[in-house]
C-alpha atoms as a PDB file:
ATOM      1  CA  MET A   1     -25.388   7.794 -22.292  1.00  0.00           C
ATOM      2  CA  ASN A   2     -22.141   7.341 -24.718  1.00  0.00           C
ATOM      3  CA  ASN A   3     -20.556  10.573 -23.882  1.00  0.00           C
ATOM      4  CA  ILE A   4     -20.668   9.453 -20.024  1.00  0.00           C
ATOM      5  CA  ASN A   5     -19.517   5.840 -20.833  1.00  0.00           C
ATOM      6  CA  THR A   6     -16.559   7.565 -23.260  1.00  0.00           C
ATOM      7  CA  SER A   7     -15.553  10.260 -20.263  1.00  0.00           C
ATOM      8  CA  GLU A   8     -15.941   7.300 -17.702  1.00  0.00           C
ATOM      9  CA  LYS A   9     -13.449   4.967 -20.323  1.00  0.00           C
ATOM     10  CA  GLU A  10     -10.946   8.121 -20.271  1.00  0.00           C
ATOM     11  CA  THR A  11     -10.706   8.696 -16.742  1.00  0.00           C
ATOM     12  CA  ALA A  12     -10.100   4.629 -16.460  1.00  0.00           C
ATOM     13  CA  ASN A  13      -7.338   4.746 -19.068  1.00  0.00           C
ATOM     14  CA  SER A  14      -6.129   7.884 -17.539  1.00  0.00           C
ATOM     15  CA  ILE A  15      -5.810   6.211 -14.075  1.00  0.00           C
ATOM     16  CA  ASP A  16      -4.351   3.543 -15.836  1.00  0.00           C
ATOM     17  CA  SER A  17      -1.656   5.420 -17.559  1.00  0.00           C
ATOM     18  CA  ILE A  18      -0.829   6.788 -14.152  1.00  0.00           C
ATOM     19  CA  ASP A  19      -0.371   2.923 -12.899  1.00  0.00           C
ATOM     20  CA  HIS A  20       1.919   2.550 -16.104  1.00  0.00           C
ATOM     21  CA  GLN A  21       3.662   5.384 -15.120  1.00  0.00           C
ATOM     22  CA  GLN A  22       4.282   4.333 -11.520  1.00  0.00           C
ATOM     23  CA  ALA A  23       5.537   0.712 -12.366  1.00  0.00           C
ATOM     24  CA  ARG A  24       7.991   1.954 -14.678  1.00  0.00           C
ATOM     25  CA  LEU A  25       9.011   4.595 -11.797  1.00  0.00           C
ATOM     26  CA  PHE A  26       9.636   1.512  -9.667  1.00  0.00           C
ATOM     27  CA  TYR A  27      11.342  -0.468 -12.270  1.00  0.00           C
ATOM     28  CA  LEU A  28      13.590   2.283 -13.034  1.00  0.00           C
ATOM     29  CA  ILE A  29      14.475   2.535  -9.781  1.00  0.00           C
ATOM     30  CA  THR A  30      14.811  -1.117  -9.410  1.00  0.00           C
ATOM     31  CA  GLN A  31      17.580  -0.991 -11.939  1.00  0.00           C
ATOM     32  CA  TYR A  32      19.394   1.960 -10.541  1.00  0.00           C
ATOM     33  CA  SER A  33      19.692   0.020  -7.193  1.00  0.00           C
ATOM     34  CA  LEU A  34      21.166  -2.737  -9.266  1.00  0.00           C
ATOM     35  CA  HIS A  35      23.305  -0.639 -11.565  1.00  0.00           C
ATOM     36  CA  PRO A  36      23.964   3.126 -10.479  1.00  0.00           C
ATOM     37  CA  CYS A  37      24.709   5.325 -13.253  1.00  0.00           C
ATOM     38  CA  THR A  38      23.798   8.646 -14.304  1.00  0.00           C
ATOM     39  CA  HIS A  39      21.542   7.685 -17.470  1.00  0.00           C
ATOM     40  CA  ILE A  40      19.305   5.547 -15.147  1.00  0.00           C
ATOM     41  CA  ALA A  41      19.226   8.557 -12.589  1.00  0.00           C
ATOM     42  CA  GLU A  42      17.999  10.855 -15.407  1.00  0.00           C
ATOM     43  CA  ARG A  43      15.426   8.606 -16.500  1.00  0.00           C
ATOM     44  CA  VAL A  44      14.298   8.415 -13.040  1.00  0.00           C
ATOM     45  CA  VAL A  45      14.186  12.404 -13.172  1.00  0.00           C
ATOM     46  CA  GLN A  46      11.960  12.307 -16.174  1.00  0.00           C
ATOM     47  CA  GLN A  47       9.663   9.829 -15.171  1.00  0.00           C
ATOM     48  CA  LEU A  48       9.196  11.878 -12.167  1.00  0.00           C
ATOM     49  CA  ILE A  49       8.473  14.742 -14.097  1.00  0.00           C
ATOM     50  CA  ASN A  50       6.152  12.834 -16.331  1.00  0.00           C
ATOM     51  CA  LEU A  51       4.095  11.653 -13.145  1.00  0.00           C
ATOM     52  CA  CYS A  52       4.031  15.278 -11.566  1.00  0.00           C
ATOM     53  CA  ARG A  53       2.783  16.639 -15.104  1.00  0.00           C
ATOM     54  CA  HIS A  54       0.151  13.901 -15.301  1.00  0.00           C
ATOM     55  CA  PRO A  55      -3.404  15.368 -15.558  1.00  0.00           C
ATOM     56  CA  ASN A  56      -4.998  13.378 -13.033  1.00  0.00           C
ATOM     57  CA  ILE A  57      -2.117  13.561 -10.641  1.00  0.00           C
ATOM     58  CA  GLU A  58      -4.678  15.786  -8.430  1.00  0.00           C
ATOM     59  CA  LEU A  59      -6.565  12.837  -7.696  1.00  0.00           C
ATOM     60  CA  LEU A  60      -3.463  10.961  -5.839  1.00  0.00           C
ATOM     61  CA  PRO A  61      -2.312  14.509  -3.825  1.00  0.00           C
ATOM     62  CA  ALA A  62      -0.018  12.319  -1.589  1.00  0.00           C
ATOM     63  CA  GLN A  63       1.613  10.609  -4.468  1.00  0.00           C
ATOM     64  CA  HIS A  64       2.090  13.887  -6.218  1.00  0.00           C
ATOM     65  CA  TYR A  65       3.881  15.402  -3.063  1.00  0.00           C
ATOM     66  CA  ILE A  66       6.248  12.641  -2.793  1.00  0.00           C
ATOM     67  CA  TYR A  67       6.896  12.521  -6.534  1.00  0.00           C
ATOM     68  CA  CYS A  68       7.531  16.267  -6.635  1.00  0.00           C
ATOM     69  CA  GLN A  69       9.736  16.149  -3.425  1.00  0.00           C
ATOM     70  CA  SER A  70      11.638  12.971  -4.968  1.00  0.00           C
ATOM     71  CA  ILE A  71      12.643  15.018  -8.067  1.00  0.00           C
ATOM     72  CA  ASN A  72      15.286  17.128  -6.106  1.00  0.00           C
ATOM     73  CA  TYR A  73      16.388  13.814  -4.645  1.00  0.00           C
ATOM     74  CA  TRP A  74      17.155  12.198  -7.691  1.00  0.00           C
ATOM     75  CA  ARG A  75      18.382  15.299  -9.337  1.00  0.00           C
ATOM     76  CA  SER A  76      21.218  15.493  -6.294  1.00  0.00           C
ATOM     77  CA  ARG A  77      22.206  11.928  -7.291  1.00  0.00           C
ATOM     78  CA  LEU A  78      22.916  13.373 -10.623  1.00  0.00           C
ATOM     79  CA  VAL A  79      25.628  16.045  -9.156  1.00  0.00           C
ATOM     80  CA  LYS A  80      26.517  13.134  -6.551  1.00  0.00           C
ATOM     81  CA  ASP A  81      27.433  10.673  -9.430  1.00  0.00           C
ATOM     82  CA  GLU A  82      28.960  13.486 -11.582  1.00  0.00           C
ATOM     83  CA  SER A  83      31.154  14.803  -8.899  1.00  0.00           C
ATOM     84  CA  GLU A  84      32.352  11.193  -7.906  1.00  0.00           C
ATOM     85  CA  ARG A  85      33.161  10.696 -11.676  1.00  0.00           C
ATOM     86  CA  SER A  86      35.176  13.759 -11.890  1.00  0.00           C
ATOM     87  CA  LYS A  87      37.322  12.639  -8.554  1.00  0.00           C
ATOM     88  CA  ASN A  88      37.800   9.284  -9.892  1.00  0.00           C
ATOM     89  CA  LYS A  89      39.190  11.044 -13.230  1.00  0.00           C
ATOM     90  CA  LEU A  90      41.920  13.212 -11.268  1.00  0.00           C
ATOM     91  CA  HIS A  91      43.203   9.950  -9.444  1.00  0.00           C
END
């Protein structure tokens, strides 16, 4: 009986950790919308990667798909931000 309760608690904690990681992702995206910079975009990419690698993400297939797709978008933001910064240095 204790093993079942322990297993249920671990699953609940793991799902909570997904919730915490999602909350952190939303916070980072909000911060980026207020202050766009490559540093925050890099952290968004890393947070998306962490979510995609979470052991219980298979319980949330729609979110898993969206997070994986979003990694490419945020990586493109990094490239775009870098190229804009390079252009500004030239002028």
